[in-house]
Amino acid sequence: MSSAPAGDAPHDAPAPDAPAGGVPASRSIAERWKMEAAPVRARLLLRAAAWLFSFLALVVMATDVHGRGGPNDFSTYPEYNYCLGVSIVALLYATAQLLRDLHRLSSGRDLVAGRKVAAIVDFTGDQVVAYFLISGLSAAAPVTDYMRQGADNLFNDSAAAAISMAFFAFVAIGLSALVSGYNLSLEALV
């Protein structure tokens, strides 16, 4: 058996500033800081995915012109025009939020004053854009389904692809709304 020199604490003893459980308080704070960054990174990735999918939905729907002004032109169907408009709104929102998140990560400051106000803006914006996306694609899907029963052609396939991309954008924005709701609940507790 070896004894520790006088004045030295044994290696098994907790640090002087540690709580009764033996874990230093600074370690739990560091873990909390790491966990706060996880929702920020998740929201950034989800908004990047929403940007990509809404961009693809916009491009595929806007280029779905197979016969100018005829039955194979997306502009003759109001449902497709609505889906295109919603894709534009989702793209603009995702771009603004993506740039805002990148600014927040790079500078440490938010463009919106106040953390609680920023959390409310994030949550509300995600909810509204997610609703627009699901309503746009639910308006366009029955038309595409009906036209596919008569003929399965490139026009219908392009419309279905645009609707699918709008759905994936909805999923990404919807998941981002969950993260924003989590952040809002944390702000409500503070």
N, C-alpha and C. Protein backbone atom coordinates (compact mmCIF):
# COMPACT_ATOMS: atom_id res chain seq x y z
N MET A 1 0.82 -1.17 0.00
CA MET A 1 0.00 0.00 0.00
C MET A 1 0.86 1.23 0.00
N SER A 2 0.55 2.11 -0.86
CA SER A 2 1.28 3.37 -0.86
C SER A 2 0.37 4.45 -0.35
N SER A 3 0.91 5.37 0.32
CA SER A 3 0.09 6.47 0.83
C SER A 3 0.45 7.72 0.05
N ALA A 4 -0.53 8.55 -0.08
CA ALA A 4 -0.33 9.80 -0.81
C ALA A 4 0.44 10.75 0.07
N PRO A 5 1.32 11.56 -0.55
CA PRO A 5 2.03 12.53 0.24
C PRO A 5 1.07 13.49 0.92
N ALA A 6 1.52 14.07 1.98
CA ALA A 6 0.68 15.00 2.73
C ALA A 6 0.29 16.17 1.83
N GLY A 7 -0.95 16.55 1.88
CA GLY A 7 -1.43 17.69 1.11
C GLY A 7 -1.98 17.30 -0.25
N ASP A 8 -1.71 16.09 -0.78
CA ASP A 8 -2.23 15.65 -2.07
C ASP A 8 -3.51 14.85 -1.86
N ALA A 9 -4.50 15.11 -2.67
CA ALA A 9 -5.76 14.36 -2.61
C ALA A 9 -5.62 13.10 -3.42
N PRO A 10 -6.23 12.01 -2.99
CA PRO A 10 -6.17 10.78 -3.78
C PRO A 10 -6.87 10.98 -5.12
N HIS A 11 -6.51 10.13 -6.11
CA HIS A 11 -7.06 10.26 -7.46
C HIS A 11 -8.54 9.95 -7.52
N ASP A 12 -9.08 9.20 -6.57
CA ASP A 12 -10.48 8.83 -6.60
C ASP A 12 -11.39 9.91 -6.03
N ALA A 13 -10.86 10.87 -5.35
CA ALA A 13 -11.68 11.89 -4.70
C ALA A 13 -12.19 12.89 -5.74
N PRO A 14 -13.44 13.37 -5.53
CA PRO A 14 -13.97 14.36 -6.46
C PRO A 14 -13.24 15.68 -6.32
N ALA A 15 -13.33 16.46 -7.38
CA ALA A 15 -12.71 17.79 -7.37
C ALA A 15 -13.39 18.64 -6.30
N PRO A 16 -12.69 19.63 -5.76
CA PRO A 16 -13.28 20.45 -4.71
C PRO A 16 -14.57 21.17 -5.13
N ASP A 17 -14.71 21.53 -6.44
CA ASP A 17 -15.91 22.24 -6.87
C ASP A 17 -16.98 21.31 -7.42
N ALA A 18 -16.77 19.99 -7.25
CA ALA A 18 -17.71 19.02 -7.79
C ALA A 18 -18.88 18.83 -6.85
N PRO A 19 -20.06 18.56 -7.40
CA PRO A 19 -21.19 18.25 -6.55
C PRO A 19 -21.02 16.88 -5.92
N ALA A 20 -21.97 16.46 -5.13
CA ALA A 20 -21.86 15.21 -4.39
C ALA A 20 -21.69 14.01 -5.32
N GLY A 21 -22.18 14.05 -6.54
CA GLY A 21 -22.09 12.92 -7.47
C GLY A 21 -20.69 12.73 -8.01
N GLY A 22 -19.81 13.67 -7.89
CA GLY A 22 -18.44 13.53 -8.35
C GLY A 22 -18.17 14.12 -9.72
N VAL A 23 -19.18 14.65 -10.43
CA VAL A 23 -18.98 15.24 -11.75
C VAL A 23 -18.80 16.74 -11.56
N PRO A 24 -17.71 17.29 -12.07
CA PRO A 24 -17.52 18.73 -11.92
C PRO A 24 -18.63 19.52 -12.61
N ALA A 25 -18.99 20.64 -12.03
CA ALA A 25 -20.07 21.47 -12.60
C ALA A 25 -19.68 22.00 -13.97
N SER A 26 -18.40 22.28 -14.19
CA SER A 26 -17.97 22.82 -15.48
C SER A 26 -18.18 21.81 -16.59
N ARG A 27 -18.10 20.53 -16.31
CA ARG A 27 -18.30 19.53 -17.34
C ARG A 27 -19.76 19.50 -17.79
N SER A 28 -20.69 19.60 -16.88
CA SER A 28 -22.09 19.59 -17.28
C SER A 28 -22.45 20.84 -18.09
N ILE A 29 -21.85 21.97 -17.79
CA ILE A 29 -22.07 23.18 -18.56
C ILE A 29 -21.51 23.00 -19.96
N ALA A 30 -20.33 22.41 -20.08
CA ALA A 30 -19.74 22.16 -21.40
C ALA A 30 -20.60 21.22 -22.21
N GLU A 31 -21.15 20.20 -21.57
CA GLU A 31 -22.04 19.28 -22.30
C GLU A 31 -23.31 19.99 -22.75
N ARG A 32 -23.81 20.91 -21.91
CA ARG A 32 -25.00 21.65 -22.29
C ARG A 32 -24.72 22.54 -23.50
N TRP A 33 -23.55 23.17 -23.54
CA TRP A 33 -23.19 24.01 -24.69
C TRP A 33 -23.11 23.18 -25.96
N LYS A 34 -22.57 21.96 -25.85
CA LYS A 34 -22.51 21.09 -27.02
C LYS A 34 -23.91 20.72 -27.49
N MET A 35 -24.81 20.47 -26.56
CA MET A 35 -26.17 20.10 -26.92
C MET A 35 -26.94 21.27 -27.52
N GLU A 36 -26.64 22.50 -27.12
CA GLU A 36 -27.30 23.66 -27.72
C GLU A 36 -26.91 23.82 -29.18
N ALA A 37 -25.71 23.41 -29.53
CA ALA A 37 -25.26 23.54 -30.92
C ALA A 37 -25.91 22.49 -31.82
N ALA A 38 -26.33 21.37 -31.26
CA ALA A 38 -26.93 20.31 -32.08
C ALA A 38 -28.21 20.77 -32.78
N PRO A 39 -29.17 21.42 -32.10
CA PRO A 39 -30.35 21.90 -32.83
C PRO A 39 -30.02 22.94 -33.89
N VAL A 40 -29.01 23.76 -33.63
CA VAL A 40 -28.63 24.79 -34.61
C VAL A 40 -28.10 24.12 -35.88
N ARG A 41 -27.25 23.12 -35.70
CA ARG A 41 -26.72 22.40 -36.88
C ARG A 41 -27.82 21.63 -37.59
N ALA A 42 -28.72 21.00 -36.82
CA ALA A 42 -29.82 20.25 -37.44
C ALA A 42 -30.73 21.18 -38.24
N ARG A 43 -31.04 22.34 -37.66
CA ARG A 43 -31.91 23.28 -38.36
C ARG A 43 -31.23 23.80 -39.63
N LEU A 44 -29.93 24.04 -39.57
CA LEU A 44 -29.19 24.49 -40.75
C LEU A 44 -29.23 23.44 -41.85
N LEU A 45 -29.00 22.19 -41.51
CA LEU A 45 -29.05 21.11 -42.51
C LEU A 45 -30.46 20.93 -43.07
N LEU A 46 -31.47 21.01 -42.22
CA LEU A 46 -32.84 20.86 -42.70
C LEU A 46 -33.24 22.01 -43.61
N ARG A 47 -32.80 23.21 -43.29
CA ARG A 47 -33.12 24.34 -44.17
C ARG A 47 -32.35 24.27 -45.48
N ALA A 48 -31.15 23.74 -45.45
CA ALA A 48 -30.41 23.53 -46.70
C ALA A 48 -31.13 22.49 -47.57
N ALA A 49 -31.63 21.43 -46.94
CA ALA A 49 -32.39 20.42 -47.69
C ALA A 49 -33.69 21.02 -48.23
N ALA A 50 -34.35 21.84 -47.43
CA ALA A 50 -35.58 22.49 -47.90
C ALA A 50 -35.30 23.41 -49.07
N TRP A 51 -34.17 24.12 -49.01
CA TRP A 51 -33.80 24.99 -50.12
C TRP A 51 -33.59 24.16 -51.39
N LEU A 52 -32.85 23.07 -51.27
CA LEU A 52 -32.57 22.23 -52.43
C LEU A 52 -33.85 21.66 -53.03
N PHE A 53 -34.72 21.10 -52.20
CA PHE A 53 -35.93 20.48 -52.72
C PHE A 53 -36.92 21.51 -53.27
N SER A 54 -37.02 22.66 -52.64
CA SER A 54 -37.92 23.68 -53.19
C SER A 54 -37.37 24.25 -54.50
N PHE A 55 -36.04 24.35 -54.60
CA PHE A 55 -35.43 24.77 -55.87
C PHE A 55 -35.71 23.76 -56.97
N LEU A 56 -35.56 22.48 -56.64
CA LEU A 56 -35.84 21.44 -57.65
C LEU A 56 -37.31 21.43 -58.04
N ALA A 57 -38.20 21.61 -57.07
CA ALA A 57 -39.64 21.65 -57.39
C ALA A 57 -39.95 22.82 -58.30
N LEU A 58 -39.33 23.95 -58.02
CA LEU A 58 -39.53 25.14 -58.85
C LEU A 58 -39.03 24.92 -60.27
N VAL A 59 -37.82 24.41 -60.40
CA VAL A 59 -37.23 24.23 -61.74
C VAL A 59 -38.00 23.18 -62.54
N VAL A 60 -38.33 22.07 -61.92
CA VAL A 60 -39.02 21.00 -62.65
C VAL A 60 -40.42 21.46 -63.07
N MET A 61 -41.13 22.15 -62.19
CA MET A 61 -42.47 22.61 -62.56
C MET A 61 -42.42 23.71 -63.61
N ALA A 62 -41.48 24.63 -63.48
CA ALA A 62 -41.40 25.74 -64.44
C ALA A 62 -40.98 25.27 -65.84
N THR A 63 -40.24 24.19 -65.91
CA THR A 63 -39.80 23.68 -67.22
C THR A 63 -40.74 22.60 -67.75
N ASP A 64 -41.86 22.38 -67.10
CA ASP A 64 -42.81 21.36 -67.55
C ASP A 64 -43.73 21.95 -68.61
N VAL A 65 -43.14 22.27 -69.74
CA VAL A 65 -43.87 22.86 -70.87
C VAL A 65 -43.61 21.96 -72.08
N HIS A 66 -44.59 21.16 -72.40
CA HIS A 66 -44.48 20.25 -73.54
C HIS A 66 -45.66 20.52 -74.47
N GLY A 67 -45.61 21.62 -75.16
CA GLY A 67 -46.70 22.05 -76.02
C GLY A 67 -47.22 23.38 -75.53
N ARG A 68 -46.73 24.45 -76.08
CA ARG A 68 -47.04 25.81 -75.62
C ARG A 68 -48.55 26.07 -75.60
N GLY A 69 -49.07 26.33 -74.40
CA GLY A 69 -50.47 26.71 -74.26
C GLY A 69 -51.45 25.57 -74.39
N GLY A 70 -51.01 24.40 -74.69
CA GLY A 70 -51.91 23.27 -74.86
C GLY A 70 -52.11 22.51 -73.55
N PRO A 71 -52.64 21.31 -73.68
CA PRO A 71 -52.90 20.52 -72.48
C PRO A 71 -51.63 20.05 -71.77
N ASN A 72 -50.49 20.15 -72.44
CA ASN A 72 -49.23 19.72 -71.83
C ASN A 72 -48.37 20.91 -71.43
N ASP A 73 -49.00 21.97 -70.97
CA ASP A 73 -48.30 23.15 -70.47
C ASP A 73 -48.80 23.40 -69.05
N PHE A 74 -47.88 23.48 -68.10
CA PHE A 74 -48.27 23.61 -66.69
C PHE A 74 -49.08 24.88 -66.45
N SER A 75 -48.86 25.93 -67.25
CA SER A 75 -49.53 27.21 -66.99
C SER A 75 -51.03 27.17 -67.29
N THR A 76 -51.50 26.12 -67.96
CA THR A 76 -52.93 26.02 -68.24
C THR A 76 -53.70 25.44 -67.04
N TYR A 77 -52.99 24.96 -66.03
CA TYR A 77 -53.62 24.36 -64.85
C TYR A 77 -53.37 25.24 -63.62
N PRO A 78 -54.41 25.78 -63.02
CA PRO A 78 -54.22 26.65 -61.85
C PRO A 78 -53.58 25.92 -60.67
N GLU A 79 -53.81 24.62 -60.57
CA GLU A 79 -53.21 23.86 -59.48
C GLU A 79 -51.69 23.83 -59.60
N TYR A 80 -51.21 23.69 -60.82
CA TYR A 80 -49.76 23.68 -61.04
C TYR A 80 -49.17 25.08 -60.83
N ASN A 81 -49.92 26.11 -61.22
CA ASN A 81 -49.46 27.48 -60.98
C ASN A 81 -49.34 27.75 -59.48
N TYR A 82 -50.32 27.25 -58.72
CA TYR A 82 -50.29 27.41 -57.27
C TYR A 82 -49.09 26.66 -56.68
N CYS A 83 -48.85 25.47 -57.13
CA CYS A 83 -47.71 24.68 -56.65
C CYS A 83 -46.40 25.39 -56.99
N LEU A 84 -46.33 25.97 -58.17
CA LEU A 84 -45.14 26.73 -58.56
C LEU A 84 -44.96 27.96 -57.67
N GLY A 85 -46.03 28.69 -57.41
CA GLY A 85 -45.96 29.87 -56.54
C GLY A 85 -45.53 29.51 -55.12
N VAL A 86 -46.06 28.40 -54.61
CA VAL A 86 -45.68 27.96 -53.28
C VAL A 86 -44.21 27.54 -53.25
N SER A 87 -43.74 26.93 -54.32
CA SER A 87 -42.32 26.55 -54.39
C SER A 87 -41.43 27.79 -54.39
N ILE A 88 -41.88 28.85 -55.05
CA ILE A 88 -41.12 30.11 -55.05
C ILE A 88 -41.07 30.69 -53.63
N VAL A 89 -42.22 30.71 -52.94
CA VAL A 89 -42.27 31.23 -51.57
C VAL A 89 -41.36 30.39 -50.67
N ALA A 90 -41.41 29.07 -50.80
CA ALA A 90 -40.57 28.19 -49.97
C ALA A 90 -39.10 28.40 -50.27
N LEU A 91 -38.76 28.61 -51.54
CA LEU A 91 -37.37 28.86 -51.90
C LEU A 91 -36.88 30.18 -51.30
N LEU A 92 -37.69 31.23 -51.40
CA LEU A 92 -37.29 32.51 -50.83
C LEU A 92 -37.16 32.43 -49.30
N TYR A 93 -38.10 31.76 -48.65
CA TYR A 93 -38.03 31.61 -47.20
C TYR A 93 -36.81 30.80 -46.79
N ALA A 94 -36.58 29.68 -47.46
CA ALA A 94 -35.43 28.84 -47.12
C ALA A 94 -34.12 29.57 -47.37
N THR A 95 -34.06 30.37 -48.43
CA THR A 95 -32.85 31.16 -48.70
C THR A 95 -32.61 32.17 -47.59
N ALA A 96 -33.66 32.90 -47.21
CA ALA A 96 -33.51 33.90 -46.15
C ALA A 96 -33.11 33.26 -44.83
N GLN A 97 -33.74 32.15 -44.47
CA GLN A 97 -33.42 31.50 -43.20
C GLN A 97 -32.04 30.85 -43.24
N LEU A 98 -31.66 30.32 -44.38
CA LEU A 98 -30.33 29.73 -44.51
C LEU A 98 -29.25 30.79 -44.37
N LEU A 99 -29.44 31.93 -45.03
CA LEU A 99 -28.47 33.03 -44.90
C LEU A 99 -28.44 33.56 -43.47
N ARG A 100 -29.61 33.64 -42.84
CA ARG A 100 -29.67 34.09 -41.46
C ARG A 100 -28.95 33.13 -40.51
N ASP A 101 -29.15 31.82 -40.71
CA ASP A 101 -28.47 30.83 -39.88
C ASP A 101 -26.96 30.85 -40.09
N LEU A 102 -26.54 31.03 -41.35
CA LEU A 102 -25.10 31.12 -41.62
C LEU A 102 -24.50 32.36 -40.98
N HIS A 103 -25.22 33.48 -41.03
CA HIS A 103 -24.75 34.71 -40.39
C HIS A 103 -24.67 34.52 -38.87
N ARG A 104 -25.66 33.85 -38.31
CA ARG A 104 -25.69 33.60 -36.87
C ARG A 104 -24.53 32.71 -36.45
N LEU A 105 -24.22 31.70 -37.25
CA LEU A 105 -23.10 30.81 -36.91
C LEU A 105 -21.75 31.48 -37.09
N SER A 106 -21.62 32.31 -38.12
CA SER A 106 -20.31 32.92 -38.39
C SER A 106 -20.01 34.09 -37.47
N SER A 107 -21.02 34.90 -37.16
CA SER A 107 -20.76 36.10 -36.35
C SER A 107 -21.16 35.95 -34.88
N GLY A 108 -21.99 34.97 -34.59
CA GLY A 108 -22.46 34.81 -33.23
C GLY A 108 -23.63 35.72 -32.88
N ARG A 109 -24.06 36.55 -33.81
CA ARG A 109 -25.19 37.46 -33.60
C ARG A 109 -26.31 37.13 -34.56
N ASP A 110 -27.52 37.35 -34.09
CA ASP A 110 -28.68 37.11 -34.94
C ASP A 110 -29.15 38.41 -35.57
N LEU A 111 -29.73 38.31 -36.74
CA LEU A 111 -30.25 39.50 -37.41
C LEU A 111 -31.54 39.99 -36.77
N VAL A 112 -32.25 39.09 -36.09
CA VAL A 112 -33.48 39.44 -35.39
C VAL A 112 -33.11 39.72 -33.94
N ALA A 113 -33.55 40.85 -33.42
CA ALA A 113 -33.21 41.24 -32.05
C ALA A 113 -33.97 40.37 -31.06
N GLY A 114 -33.28 39.86 -30.08
CA GLY A 114 -33.90 39.07 -29.02
C GLY A 114 -34.02 37.61 -29.38
N ARG A 115 -33.59 36.77 -28.47
CA ARG A 115 -33.63 35.33 -28.73
C ARG A 115 -35.05 34.80 -28.77
N LYS A 116 -35.91 35.32 -27.91
CA LYS A 116 -37.29 34.85 -27.88
C LYS A 116 -38.02 35.26 -29.15
N VAL A 117 -37.80 36.48 -29.62
CA VAL A 117 -38.43 36.94 -30.86
C VAL A 117 -37.92 36.11 -32.04
N ALA A 118 -36.62 35.82 -32.07
CA ALA A 118 -36.05 35.00 -33.14
C ALA A 118 -36.65 33.60 -33.13
N ALA A 119 -36.86 33.03 -31.94
CA ALA A 119 -37.46 31.70 -31.84
C ALA A 119 -38.90 31.71 -32.33
N ILE A 120 -39.63 32.77 -32.03
CA ILE A 120 -41.02 32.88 -32.50
C ILE A 120 -41.07 33.05 -34.02
N VAL A 121 -40.16 33.87 -34.56
CA VAL A 121 -40.10 34.06 -36.02
C VAL A 121 -39.77 32.75 -36.72
N ASP A 122 -38.80 32.02 -36.20
CA ASP A 122 -38.42 30.73 -36.80
C ASP A 122 -39.59 29.76 -36.79
N PHE A 123 -40.20 29.61 -35.63
CA PHE A 123 -41.29 28.63 -35.50
C PHE A 123 -42.48 29.00 -36.36
N THR A 124 -42.88 30.26 -36.33
CA THR A 124 -44.04 30.70 -37.11
C THR A 124 -43.77 30.60 -38.61
N GLY A 125 -42.60 31.04 -39.03
CA GLY A 125 -42.26 30.97 -40.45
C GLY A 125 -42.22 29.54 -40.95
N ASP A 126 -41.62 28.64 -40.17
CA ASP A 126 -41.57 27.23 -40.57
C ASP A 126 -42.97 26.64 -40.68
N GLN A 127 -43.83 26.98 -39.73
CA GLN A 127 -45.20 26.45 -39.76
C GLN A 127 -45.98 26.95 -40.98
N VAL A 128 -45.87 28.23 -41.26
CA VAL A 128 -46.63 28.82 -42.38
C VAL A 128 -46.15 28.26 -43.72
N VAL A 129 -44.83 28.20 -43.91
CA VAL A 129 -44.29 27.70 -45.18
C VAL A 129 -44.59 26.20 -45.33
N ALA A 130 -44.53 25.45 -44.25
CA ALA A 130 -44.87 24.02 -44.33
C ALA A 130 -46.33 23.85 -44.73
N TYR A 131 -47.21 24.68 -44.18
CA TYR A 131 -48.62 24.62 -44.57
C TYR A 131 -48.80 24.96 -46.04
N PHE A 132 -48.13 26.01 -46.51
CA PHE A 132 -48.22 26.37 -47.92
C PHE A 132 -47.75 25.22 -48.82
N LEU A 133 -46.64 24.60 -48.45
CA LEU A 133 -46.12 23.52 -49.28
C LEU A 133 -47.09 22.34 -49.34
N ILE A 134 -47.63 21.94 -48.20
CA ILE A 134 -48.53 20.79 -48.23
C ILE A 134 -49.82 21.12 -48.96
N SER A 135 -50.28 22.37 -48.87
CA SER A 135 -51.50 22.72 -49.60
C SER A 135 -51.23 22.80 -51.10
N GLY A 136 -50.04 23.29 -51.49
CA GLY A 136 -49.71 23.36 -52.91
C GLY A 136 -49.58 22.00 -53.55
N LEU A 137 -48.91 21.10 -52.87
CA LEU A 137 -48.75 19.78 -53.47
C LEU A 137 -50.03 18.96 -53.38
N SER A 138 -50.85 19.20 -52.35
CA SER A 138 -52.12 18.47 -52.29
C SER A 138 -53.12 19.00 -53.32
N ALA A 139 -52.94 20.22 -53.78
CA ALA A 139 -53.80 20.73 -54.85
C ALA A 139 -53.38 20.16 -56.20
N ALA A 140 -52.08 19.99 -56.40
CA ALA A 140 -51.59 19.53 -57.69
C ALA A 140 -51.62 18.01 -57.86
N ALA A 141 -51.56 17.28 -56.76
CA ALA A 141 -51.48 15.81 -56.86
C ALA A 141 -52.72 15.18 -57.49
N PRO A 142 -53.95 15.58 -57.13
CA PRO A 142 -55.10 14.94 -57.78
C PRO A 142 -55.18 15.18 -59.28
N VAL A 143 -54.77 16.36 -59.72
CA VAL A 143 -54.79 16.66 -61.16
C VAL A 143 -53.83 15.72 -61.89
N THR A 144 -52.65 15.57 -61.32
CA THR A 144 -51.66 14.69 -61.93
C THR A 144 -52.14 13.25 -61.93
N ASP A 145 -52.75 12.82 -60.84
CA ASP A 145 -53.26 11.46 -60.76
C ASP A 145 -54.36 11.22 -61.79
N TYR A 146 -55.24 12.19 -61.94
CA TYR A 146 -56.32 12.08 -62.92
C TYR A 146 -55.76 12.01 -64.34
N MET A 147 -54.78 12.87 -64.65
CA MET A 147 -54.21 12.87 -66.01
C MET A 147 -53.40 11.62 -66.29
N ARG A 148 -52.80 11.03 -65.26
CA ARG A 148 -52.03 9.80 -65.46
C ARG A 148 -52.94 8.61 -65.79
N GLN A 149 -54.18 8.67 -65.38
CA GLN A 149 -55.12 7.59 -65.72
C GLN A 149 -55.39 7.56 -67.22
N GLY A 150 -55.38 8.75 -67.85
CA GLY A 150 -55.64 8.84 -69.29
C GLY A 150 -54.40 8.57 -70.12
N ALA A 151 -53.27 9.15 -69.73
CA ALA A 151 -52.03 9.00 -70.50
C ALA A 151 -50.85 9.19 -69.57
N ASP A 152 -49.89 8.33 -69.71
CA ASP A 152 -48.67 8.45 -68.92
C ASP A 152 -47.56 8.95 -69.85
N ASN A 153 -47.26 10.26 -69.74
CA ASN A 153 -46.29 10.85 -70.64
C ASN A 153 -45.30 11.70 -69.85
N LEU A 154 -44.42 12.36 -70.55
CA LEU A 154 -43.36 13.16 -69.93
C LEU A 154 -43.93 14.33 -69.13
N PHE A 155 -45.00 14.93 -69.60
CA PHE A 155 -45.62 16.03 -68.88
C PHE A 155 -46.10 15.59 -67.51
N ASN A 156 -46.79 14.47 -67.45
CA ASN A 156 -47.29 13.95 -66.18
C ASN A 156 -46.15 13.52 -65.26
N ASP A 157 -45.11 12.92 -65.85
CA ASP A 157 -43.96 12.51 -65.04
C ASP A 157 -43.23 13.70 -64.44
N SER A 158 -43.11 14.77 -65.22
CA SER A 158 -42.45 15.98 -64.72
C SER A 158 -43.28 16.62 -63.60
N ALA A 159 -44.59 16.64 -63.77
CA ALA A 159 -45.46 17.19 -62.73
C ALA A 159 -45.37 16.36 -61.46
N ALA A 160 -45.33 15.05 -61.61
CA ALA A 160 -45.21 14.17 -60.44
C ALA A 160 -43.86 14.37 -59.74
N ALA A 161 -42.81 14.58 -60.52
CA ALA A 161 -41.49 14.82 -59.93
C ALA A 161 -41.47 16.14 -59.17
N ALA A 162 -42.09 17.18 -59.72
CA ALA A 162 -42.15 18.48 -59.04
C ALA A 162 -42.95 18.37 -57.74
N ILE A 163 -44.03 17.63 -57.78
CA ILE A 163 -44.84 17.43 -56.57
C ILE A 163 -44.05 16.65 -55.53
N SER A 164 -43.29 15.67 -55.96
CA SER A 164 -42.46 14.90 -55.03
C SER A 164 -41.39 15.78 -54.39
N MET A 165 -40.77 16.65 -55.16
CA MET A 165 -39.76 17.55 -54.60
C MET A 165 -40.40 18.54 -53.62
N ALA A 166 -41.62 18.99 -53.92
CA ALA A 166 -42.34 19.87 -52.99
C ALA A 166 -42.66 19.12 -51.70
N PHE A 167 -42.97 17.83 -51.81
CA PHE A 167 -43.23 17.04 -50.61
C PHE A 167 -41.97 16.90 -49.76
N PHE A 168 -40.83 16.65 -50.39
CA PHE A 168 -39.57 16.54 -49.64
C PHE A 168 -39.20 17.88 -48.99
N ALA A 169 -39.50 18.97 -49.68
CA ALA A 169 -39.28 20.29 -49.07
C ALA A 169 -40.19 20.48 -47.87
N PHE A 170 -41.43 20.00 -47.97
CA PHE A 170 -42.36 20.06 -46.84
C PHE A 170 -41.82 19.26 -45.65
N VAL A 171 -41.30 18.08 -45.91
CA VAL A 171 -40.75 17.25 -44.83
C VAL A 171 -39.58 17.96 -44.15
N ALA A 172 -38.70 18.55 -44.95
CA ALA A 172 -37.54 19.25 -44.37
C ALA A 172 -37.98 20.47 -43.56
N ILE A 173 -38.93 21.25 -44.08
CA ILE A 173 -39.42 22.43 -43.34
C ILE A 173 -40.21 21.97 -42.12
N GLY A 174 -40.96 20.89 -42.24
CA GLY A 174 -41.71 20.38 -41.09
C GLY A 174 -40.79 19.92 -39.97
N LEU A 175 -39.71 19.23 -40.32
CA LEU A 175 -38.73 18.83 -39.30
C LEU A 175 -38.03 20.05 -38.72
N SER A 176 -37.77 21.04 -39.56
CA SER A 176 -37.19 22.28 -39.06
C SER A 176 -38.15 22.98 -38.10
N ALA A 177 -39.45 22.86 -38.35
CA ALA A 177 -40.44 23.43 -37.43
C ALA A 177 -40.40 22.71 -36.08
N LEU A 178 -40.13 21.41 -36.10
CA LEU A 178 -39.99 20.69 -34.83
C LEU A 178 -38.79 21.20 -34.04
N VAL A 179 -37.68 21.41 -34.73
CA VAL A 179 -36.49 21.94 -34.06
C VAL A 179 -36.76 23.36 -33.58
N SER A 180 -37.43 24.16 -34.39
CA SER A 180 -37.76 25.53 -33.98
C SER A 180 -38.72 25.52 -32.79
N GLY A 181 -39.65 24.57 -32.76
CA GLY A 181 -40.54 24.44 -31.62
C GLY A 181 -39.79 24.05 -30.35
N TYR A 182 -38.80 23.18 -30.51
CA TYR A 182 -37.95 22.81 -29.37
C TYR A 182 -37.20 24.04 -28.85
N ASN A 183 -36.63 24.82 -29.76
CA ASN A 183 -35.93 26.03 -29.36
C ASN A 183 -36.87 27.04 -28.71
N LEU A 184 -38.09 27.15 -29.23
CA LEU A 184 -39.06 28.06 -28.65
C LEU A 184 -39.46 27.62 -27.25
N SER A 185 -39.58 26.31 -27.04
CA SER A 185 -39.93 25.83 -25.71
C SER A 185 -38.81 26.10 -24.72
N LEU A 186 -37.57 26.04 -25.18
CA LEU A 186 -36.45 26.38 -24.29
C LEU A 186 -36.45 27.86 -23.95
N GLU A 187 -36.80 28.72 -24.91
CA GLU A 187 -36.85 30.15 -24.65
C GLU A 187 -38.00 30.50 -23.71
N ALA A 188 -39.08 29.74 -23.78
CA ALA A 188 -40.21 30.01 -22.89
C ALA A 188 -39.85 29.67 -21.45
N LEU A 189 -38.94 28.72 -21.26
CA LEU A 189 -38.54 28.33 -19.92
C LEU A 189 -37.51 29.29 -19.32
N VAL A 190 -36.81 30.03 -20.17
CA VAL A 190 -35.75 30.91 -19.68
C VAL A 190 -36.31 32.23 -19.24
